[in-house]
Amino acid sequence: MITTLSLIVLGFLILVSILDIKYKAIPSVFSSAMLFAVLLLRPDNLIYGVLCLVFAIMIRDLLDDVAGMSFGLADIKILIIMGLLLTNFSSLMLMIFSFLFFQFAYTFLWKWKIKNEEEIPFIPCLLAVYITLLIVGVVA
């Protein structure tokens, strides 16, 4: 069941995806305010938010060290927001594996077809992951 909060986060992700593609920057106040709101409304899922934070830091280090690409602070906040909306461990695993799949495909296509640059807007990939989670029905 898709909740009002899930739809609000979807709208937020669409908006910041457009900003990320166009400007490659997201005002920090947008992502921080959404993170704060979701945390207030879903404090029971804090463990999944923390696990997503650790995962995001690992991805950031991996992308920076191995691929030489940057994974920004807004991307980390969005992964935490998505984690706060998860309901169980299997939904967390689904999110991680779908993120890895979409991230690999997205990065490959972006570098191959669109532009060959270090800075890639990652939020559209996170939007695809979130839509997948909505379709599967693991977002609270």
N, C-alpha and C. Protein backbone atom coordinates (compact mmCIF):
# COMPACT_ATOMS: atom_id res chain seq x y z
N MET A 1 0.83 -1.18 0.00
CA MET A 1 0.00 0.00 0.00
C MET A 1 0.89 1.25 0.00
N ILE A 2 0.62 2.14 -0.91
CA ILE A 2 1.40 3.36 -1.02
C ILE A 2 0.78 4.43 -0.12
N THR A 3 1.58 4.94 0.80
CA THR A 3 1.10 5.94 1.75
C THR A 3 1.32 7.35 1.21
N THR A 4 0.72 8.31 1.89
CA THR A 4 0.89 9.71 1.51
C THR A 4 2.36 10.11 1.61
N LEU A 5 3.03 9.66 2.65
CA LEU A 5 4.46 9.98 2.82
C LEU A 5 5.27 9.42 1.66
N SER A 6 4.94 8.22 1.20
CA SER A 6 5.65 7.61 0.07
C SER A 6 5.48 8.45 -1.19
N LEU A 7 4.30 8.98 -1.39
CA LEU A 7 4.04 9.82 -2.56
C LEU A 7 4.76 11.17 -2.45
N ILE A 8 4.81 11.71 -1.25
CA ILE A 8 5.53 12.97 -1.04
C ILE A 8 7.02 12.77 -1.33
N VAL A 9 7.58 11.66 -0.84
CA VAL A 9 8.99 11.38 -1.11
C VAL A 9 9.20 11.15 -2.61
N LEU A 10 8.27 10.51 -3.28
CA LEU A 10 8.37 10.32 -4.73
C LEU A 10 8.41 11.67 -5.45
N GLY A 11 7.52 12.57 -5.08
CA GLY A 11 7.53 13.91 -5.67
C GLY A 11 8.84 14.64 -5.39
N PHE A 12 9.32 14.51 -4.17
CA PHE A 12 10.60 15.12 -3.80
C PHE A 12 11.73 14.57 -4.66
N LEU A 13 11.75 13.25 -4.85
CA LEU A 13 12.81 12.64 -5.65
C LEU A 13 12.74 13.05 -7.12
N ILE A 14 11.54 13.21 -7.63
CA ILE A 14 11.40 13.69 -9.01
C ILE A 14 11.96 15.10 -9.13
N LEU A 15 11.61 15.96 -8.18
CA LEU A 15 12.09 17.34 -8.19
C LEU A 15 13.62 17.41 -8.09
N VAL A 16 14.19 16.70 -7.13
CA VAL A 16 15.64 16.78 -6.96
C VAL A 16 16.38 16.06 -8.08
N SER A 17 15.75 15.09 -8.73
CA SER A 17 16.37 14.45 -9.90
C SER A 17 16.51 15.46 -11.03
N ILE A 18 15.48 16.24 -11.24
CA ILE A 18 15.53 17.28 -12.28
C ILE A 18 16.62 18.29 -11.95
N LEU A 19 16.68 18.72 -10.69
CA LEU A 19 17.72 19.67 -10.28
C LEU A 19 19.12 19.08 -10.43
N ASP A 20 19.24 17.80 -10.09
CA ASP A 20 20.54 17.15 -10.18
C ASP A 20 21.01 17.02 -11.62
N ILE A 21 20.10 16.68 -12.52
CA ILE A 21 20.47 16.57 -13.93
C ILE A 21 20.83 17.95 -14.49
N LYS A 22 20.03 18.94 -14.14
CA LYS A 22 20.23 20.28 -14.72
C LYS A 22 21.43 21.02 -14.12
N TYR A 23 21.55 21.00 -12.80
CA TYR A 23 22.58 21.80 -12.13
C TYR A 23 23.68 20.98 -11.46
N LYS A 24 23.46 19.67 -11.31
CA LYS A 24 24.39 18.79 -10.58
C LYS A 24 24.62 19.29 -9.15
N ALA A 25 23.57 19.86 -8.60
CA ALA A 25 23.62 20.35 -7.22
C ALA A 25 22.20 20.39 -6.67
N ILE A 26 22.08 20.05 -5.40
CA ILE A 26 20.80 20.08 -4.71
C ILE A 26 20.96 20.99 -3.49
N PRO A 27 20.06 21.95 -3.29
CA PRO A 27 20.14 22.74 -2.06
C PRO A 27 20.05 21.83 -0.84
N SER A 28 21.01 21.94 0.03
CA SER A 28 21.10 21.06 1.19
C SER A 28 19.86 21.15 2.08
N VAL A 29 19.24 22.30 2.10
CA VAL A 29 18.06 22.48 2.94
C VAL A 29 16.92 21.57 2.47
N PHE A 30 16.81 21.30 1.17
CA PHE A 30 15.76 20.40 0.66
C PHE A 30 15.94 19.00 1.22
N SER A 31 17.14 18.46 1.03
CA SER A 31 17.36 17.08 1.46
C SER A 31 17.36 16.96 2.99
N SER A 32 17.88 17.95 3.68
CA SER A 32 17.88 17.91 5.15
C SER A 32 16.47 18.01 5.71
N ALA A 33 15.65 18.88 5.13
CA ALA A 33 14.27 19.01 5.60
C ALA A 33 13.48 17.72 5.36
N MET A 34 13.67 17.10 4.21
CA MET A 34 12.96 15.85 3.93
C MET A 34 13.45 14.74 4.86
N LEU A 35 14.74 14.68 5.10
CA LEU A 35 15.29 13.70 6.02
C LEU A 35 14.71 13.89 7.42
N PHE A 36 14.65 15.12 7.87
CA PHE A 36 14.10 15.41 9.19
C PHE A 36 12.63 15.02 9.28
N ALA A 37 11.86 15.36 8.24
CA ALA A 37 10.42 15.04 8.24
C ALA A 37 10.18 13.54 8.26
N VAL A 38 10.92 12.81 7.43
CA VAL A 38 10.74 11.35 7.39
C VAL A 38 11.19 10.73 8.71
N LEU A 39 12.25 11.23 9.29
CA LEU A 39 12.72 10.72 10.57
C LEU A 39 11.68 10.95 11.67
N LEU A 40 11.03 12.10 11.65
CA LEU A 40 9.98 12.36 12.64
C LEU A 40 8.78 11.43 12.46
N LEU A 41 8.46 11.12 11.21
CA LEU A 41 7.28 10.30 10.94
C LEU A 41 7.55 8.80 10.99
N ARG A 42 8.79 8.39 10.84
CA ARG A 42 9.14 6.97 10.85
C ARG A 42 10.30 6.66 11.80
N PRO A 43 10.22 7.04 13.07
CA PRO A 43 11.34 6.79 13.99
C PRO A 43 11.55 5.31 14.29
N ASP A 44 10.53 4.49 14.07
CA ASP A 44 10.67 3.06 14.34
C ASP A 44 11.62 2.38 13.36
N ASN A 45 11.83 2.99 12.20
CA ASN A 45 12.67 2.38 11.18
C ASN A 45 14.09 2.96 11.20
N LEU A 46 14.49 3.52 12.32
CA LEU A 46 15.80 4.17 12.43
C LEU A 46 16.94 3.20 12.11
N ILE A 47 16.82 1.95 12.50
CA ILE A 47 17.89 0.98 12.24
C ILE A 47 18.18 0.85 10.75
N TYR A 48 17.13 0.88 9.92
CA TYR A 48 17.33 0.76 8.46
C TYR A 48 17.94 2.04 7.89
N GLY A 49 17.61 3.17 8.49
CA GLY A 49 18.24 4.42 8.08
C GLY A 49 19.72 4.43 8.39
N VAL A 50 20.09 3.91 9.56
CA VAL A 50 21.50 3.84 9.94
C VAL A 50 22.25 2.86 9.04
N LEU A 51 21.63 1.72 8.74
CA LEU A 51 22.26 0.76 7.84
C LEU A 51 22.44 1.35 6.44
N CYS A 52 21.48 2.13 6.00
CA CYS A 52 21.61 2.79 4.69
C CYS A 52 22.70 3.85 4.72
N LEU A 53 22.89 4.51 5.86
CA LEU A 53 23.98 5.47 6.01
C LEU A 53 25.32 4.77 5.85
N VAL A 54 25.49 3.64 6.52
CA VAL A 54 26.74 2.88 6.40
C VAL A 54 26.94 2.42 4.96
N PHE A 55 25.87 1.92 4.33
CA PHE A 55 25.95 1.50 2.93
C PHE A 55 26.33 2.68 2.03
N ALA A 56 25.74 3.83 2.26
CA ALA A 56 26.03 5.01 1.44
C ALA A 56 27.48 5.45 1.59
N ILE A 57 28.01 5.38 2.79
CA ILE A 57 29.41 5.75 3.01
C ILE A 57 30.32 4.76 2.28
N MET A 58 29.97 3.48 2.33
CA MET A 58 30.76 2.49 1.60
C MET A 58 30.72 2.75 0.09
N ILE A 59 29.54 3.06 -0.43
CA ILE A 59 29.41 3.34 -1.86
C ILE A 59 30.19 4.59 -2.23
N ARG A 60 30.10 5.60 -1.38
CA ARG A 60 30.84 6.84 -1.64
C ARG A 60 32.34 6.58 -1.72
N ASP A 61 32.86 5.82 -0.77
CA ASP A 61 34.28 5.49 -0.77
C ASP A 61 34.65 4.65 -2.00
N LEU A 62 33.82 3.68 -2.32
CA LEU A 62 34.09 2.83 -3.47
C LEU A 62 34.10 3.62 -4.77
N LEU A 63 33.10 4.46 -4.97
CA LEU A 63 33.03 5.25 -6.20
C LEU A 63 34.20 6.23 -6.28
N ASP A 64 34.56 6.82 -5.16
CA ASP A 64 35.65 7.79 -5.16
C ASP A 64 36.99 7.11 -5.40
N ASP A 65 37.26 6.02 -4.68
CA ASP A 65 38.56 5.36 -4.77
C ASP A 65 38.75 4.56 -6.05
N VAL A 66 37.72 3.85 -6.47
CA VAL A 66 37.86 2.94 -7.61
C VAL A 66 37.55 3.63 -8.93
N ALA A 67 36.40 4.30 -8.99
CA ALA A 67 35.95 4.87 -10.26
C ALA A 67 36.31 6.34 -10.43
N GLY A 68 36.73 6.99 -9.37
CA GLY A 68 37.07 8.41 -9.46
C GLY A 68 35.86 9.31 -9.64
N MET A 69 34.69 8.84 -9.22
CA MET A 69 33.47 9.63 -9.34
C MET A 69 33.05 10.10 -7.95
N SER A 70 32.31 11.20 -7.92
CA SER A 70 31.87 11.72 -6.63
C SER A 70 30.42 11.34 -6.36
N PHE A 71 30.16 10.99 -5.12
CA PHE A 71 28.83 10.63 -4.63
C PHE A 71 28.55 11.64 -3.52
N GLY A 72 27.65 12.59 -3.79
CA GLY A 72 27.49 13.73 -2.92
C GLY A 72 26.73 13.48 -1.63
N LEU A 73 26.69 14.50 -0.81
CA LEU A 73 26.01 14.44 0.47
C LEU A 73 24.49 14.28 0.29
N ALA A 74 23.93 14.90 -0.75
CA ALA A 74 22.50 14.75 -1.01
C ALA A 74 22.15 13.30 -1.34
N ASP A 75 23.03 12.62 -2.06
CA ASP A 75 22.81 11.21 -2.38
C ASP A 75 22.77 10.36 -1.10
N ILE A 76 23.65 10.67 -0.18
CA ILE A 76 23.68 9.94 1.09
C ILE A 76 22.40 10.21 1.88
N LYS A 77 21.97 11.45 1.93
CA LYS A 77 20.73 11.78 2.66
C LYS A 77 19.53 11.08 2.05
N ILE A 78 19.50 10.98 0.73
CA ILE A 78 18.37 10.32 0.07
C ILE A 78 18.38 8.83 0.36
N LEU A 79 19.55 8.22 0.39
CA LEU A 79 19.61 6.80 0.77
C LEU A 79 19.13 6.60 2.20
N ILE A 80 19.45 7.51 3.09
CA ILE A 80 18.96 7.42 4.47
C ILE A 80 17.44 7.56 4.49
N ILE A 81 16.90 8.50 3.74
CA ILE A 81 15.45 8.68 3.66
C ILE A 81 14.79 7.39 3.18
N MET A 82 15.35 6.79 2.15
CA MET A 82 14.80 5.55 1.63
C MET A 82 14.88 4.45 2.69
N GLY A 83 15.97 4.42 3.44
CA GLY A 83 16.11 3.43 4.50
C GLY A 83 15.08 3.60 5.60
N LEU A 84 14.77 4.86 5.92
CA LEU A 84 13.76 5.12 6.96
C LEU A 84 12.36 4.68 6.54
N LEU A 85 12.15 4.51 5.26
CA LEU A 85 10.85 4.08 4.77
C LEU A 85 10.73 2.57 4.60
N LEU A 86 11.82 1.85 4.83
CA LEU A 86 11.79 0.39 4.70
C LEU A 86 11.19 -0.23 5.96
N THR A 87 10.64 -1.42 5.78
CA THR A 87 9.93 -2.05 6.89
C THR A 87 10.62 -3.26 7.49
N ASN A 88 11.50 -3.91 6.74
CA ASN A 88 12.15 -5.11 7.27
C ASN A 88 13.50 -5.32 6.58
N PHE A 89 14.23 -6.31 7.04
CA PHE A 89 15.57 -6.56 6.53
C PHE A 89 15.56 -7.00 5.07
N SER A 90 14.57 -7.79 4.68
CA SER A 90 14.52 -8.24 3.28
C SER A 90 14.27 -7.06 2.33
N SER A 91 13.49 -6.07 2.77
CA SER A 91 13.30 -4.89 1.94
C SER A 91 14.59 -4.08 1.84
N LEU A 92 15.39 -4.08 2.90
CA LEU A 92 16.70 -3.42 2.86
C LEU A 92 17.61 -4.11 1.84
N MET A 93 17.61 -5.43 1.86
CA MET A 93 18.44 -6.18 0.91
C MET A 93 17.97 -5.93 -0.53
N LEU A 94 16.67 -5.89 -0.73
CA LEU A 94 16.13 -5.59 -2.05
C LEU A 94 16.56 -4.20 -2.51
N MET A 95 16.53 -3.24 -1.60
CA MET A 95 16.96 -1.89 -1.95
C MET A 95 18.44 -1.87 -2.32
N ILE A 96 19.26 -2.54 -1.56
CA ILE A 96 20.70 -2.55 -1.83
C ILE A 96 20.99 -3.21 -3.18
N PHE A 97 20.38 -4.36 -3.44
CA PHE A 97 20.65 -5.05 -4.71
C PHE A 97 20.09 -4.30 -5.90
N SER A 98 18.92 -3.70 -5.74
CA SER A 98 18.39 -2.90 -6.86
C SER A 98 19.23 -1.66 -7.07
N PHE A 99 19.75 -1.07 -5.99
CA PHE A 99 20.64 0.08 -6.13
C PHE A 99 21.90 -0.31 -6.90
N LEU A 100 22.50 -1.43 -6.53
CA LEU A 100 23.71 -1.87 -7.22
C LEU A 100 23.45 -2.14 -8.70
N PHE A 101 22.32 -2.76 -9.00
CA PHE A 101 21.97 -3.03 -10.40
C PHE A 101 21.76 -1.73 -11.17
N PHE A 102 20.91 -0.87 -10.66
CA PHE A 102 20.62 0.39 -11.35
C PHE A 102 21.86 1.28 -11.43
N GLN A 103 22.67 1.29 -10.38
CA GLN A 103 23.86 2.12 -10.37
C GLN A 103 24.84 1.69 -11.45
N PHE A 104 25.06 0.39 -11.57
CA PHE A 104 25.97 -0.10 -12.59
C PHE A 104 25.45 0.24 -13.99
N ALA A 105 24.19 -0.06 -14.23
CA ALA A 105 23.60 0.21 -15.55
C ALA A 105 23.58 1.70 -15.85
N TYR A 106 23.19 2.50 -14.88
CA TYR A 106 23.10 3.95 -15.05
C TYR A 106 24.47 4.56 -15.34
N THR A 107 25.47 4.18 -14.55
CA THR A 107 26.81 4.73 -14.74
C THR A 107 27.36 4.32 -16.10
N PHE A 108 27.17 3.07 -16.48
CA PHE A 108 27.64 2.60 -17.78
C PHE A 108 26.99 3.38 -18.92
N LEU A 109 25.66 3.52 -18.86
CA LEU A 109 24.96 4.24 -19.92
C LEU A 109 25.34 5.73 -19.94
N TRP A 110 25.47 6.33 -18.78
CA TRP A 110 25.81 7.75 -18.72
C TRP A 110 27.18 7.99 -19.35
N LYS A 111 28.15 7.17 -18.97
CA LYS A 111 29.51 7.38 -19.50
C LYS A 111 29.60 7.00 -20.97
N TRP A 112 28.83 6.02 -21.40
CA TRP A 112 28.90 5.54 -22.77
C TRP A 112 28.11 6.41 -23.74
N LYS A 113 26.90 6.74 -23.37
CA LYS A 113 26.00 7.43 -24.30
C LYS A 113 25.93 8.94 -24.10
N ILE A 114 25.97 9.41 -22.88
CA ILE A 114 25.67 10.81 -22.63
C ILE A 114 26.94 11.64 -22.54
N LYS A 115 27.68 11.47 -21.47
CA LYS A 115 28.88 12.28 -21.27
C LYS A 115 29.94 11.45 -20.59
N ASN A 116 31.16 11.76 -20.89
CA ASN A 116 32.26 11.09 -20.22
C ASN A 116 32.89 12.09 -19.25
N GLU A 117 32.30 12.20 -18.08
CA GLU A 117 32.79 13.14 -17.09
C GLU A 117 32.75 12.50 -15.72
N GLU A 118 33.48 13.08 -14.78
CA GLU A 118 33.56 12.52 -13.44
C GLU A 118 32.27 12.71 -12.65
N GLU A 119 31.64 13.85 -12.81
CA GLU A 119 30.45 14.16 -12.01
C GLU A 119 29.19 13.69 -12.73
N ILE A 120 28.55 12.70 -12.14
CA ILE A 120 27.33 12.12 -12.70
C ILE A 120 26.20 12.38 -11.72
N PRO A 121 25.04 12.84 -12.22
CA PRO A 121 23.90 13.01 -11.31
C PRO A 121 23.34 11.64 -10.90
N PHE A 122 23.54 11.26 -9.64
CA PHE A 122 23.13 9.94 -9.17
C PHE A 122 21.69 9.88 -8.69
N ILE A 123 21.08 11.00 -8.41
CA ILE A 123 19.73 10.99 -7.85
C ILE A 123 18.71 10.37 -8.80
N PRO A 124 18.81 10.54 -10.12
CA PRO A 124 17.87 9.81 -10.98
C PRO A 124 17.95 8.29 -10.81
N CYS A 125 19.14 7.78 -10.53
CA CYS A 125 19.28 6.35 -10.25
C CYS A 125 18.57 5.99 -8.95
N LEU A 126 18.69 6.84 -7.95
CA LEU A 126 18.00 6.60 -6.68
C LEU A 126 16.48 6.68 -6.87
N LEU A 127 16.03 7.52 -7.77
CA LEU A 127 14.61 7.59 -8.10
C LEU A 127 14.14 6.27 -8.69
N ALA A 128 14.93 5.69 -9.58
CA ALA A 128 14.58 4.40 -10.17
C ALA A 128 14.51 3.30 -9.11
N VAL A 129 15.43 3.33 -8.17
CA VAL A 129 15.41 2.36 -7.06
C VAL A 129 14.15 2.54 -6.23
N TYR A 130 13.81 3.79 -5.93
CA TYR A 130 12.63 4.07 -5.11
C TYR A 130 11.35 3.62 -5.82
N ILE A 131 11.25 3.88 -7.11
CA ILE A 131 10.08 3.44 -7.87
C ILE A 131 9.99 1.92 -7.86
N THR A 132 11.12 1.25 -7.98
CA THR A 132 11.13 -0.22 -7.89
C THR A 132 10.61 -0.68 -6.53
N LEU A 133 11.05 -0.03 -5.47
CA LEU A 133 10.59 -0.40 -4.12
C LEU A 133 9.10 -0.13 -3.97
N LEU A 134 8.60 0.94 -4.57
CA LEU A 134 7.16 1.22 -4.52
C LEU A 134 6.37 0.15 -5.26
N ILE A 135 6.85 -0.24 -6.44
CA ILE A 135 6.16 -1.25 -7.23
C ILE A 135 6.12 -2.59 -6.51
N VAL A 136 7.24 -2.95 -5.91
CA VAL A 136 7.31 -4.23 -5.18
C VAL A 136 6.49 -4.15 -3.90
N GLY A 137 6.34 -2.97 -3.34
CA GLY A 137 5.51 -2.78 -2.15
C GLY A 137 6.21 -2.95 -0.84
N VAL A 138 7.50 -2.60 -0.79
CA VAL A 138 8.24 -2.77 0.47
C VAL A 138 8.49 -1.45 1.19
N VAL A 139 7.93 -0.37 0.69
CA VAL A 139 8.09 0.95 1.31
C VAL A 139 6.86 1.23 2.17
N ALA A 140 7.12 1.67 3.41
CA ALA A 140 6.00 1.95 4.32
C ALA A 140 5.54 3.38 4.18
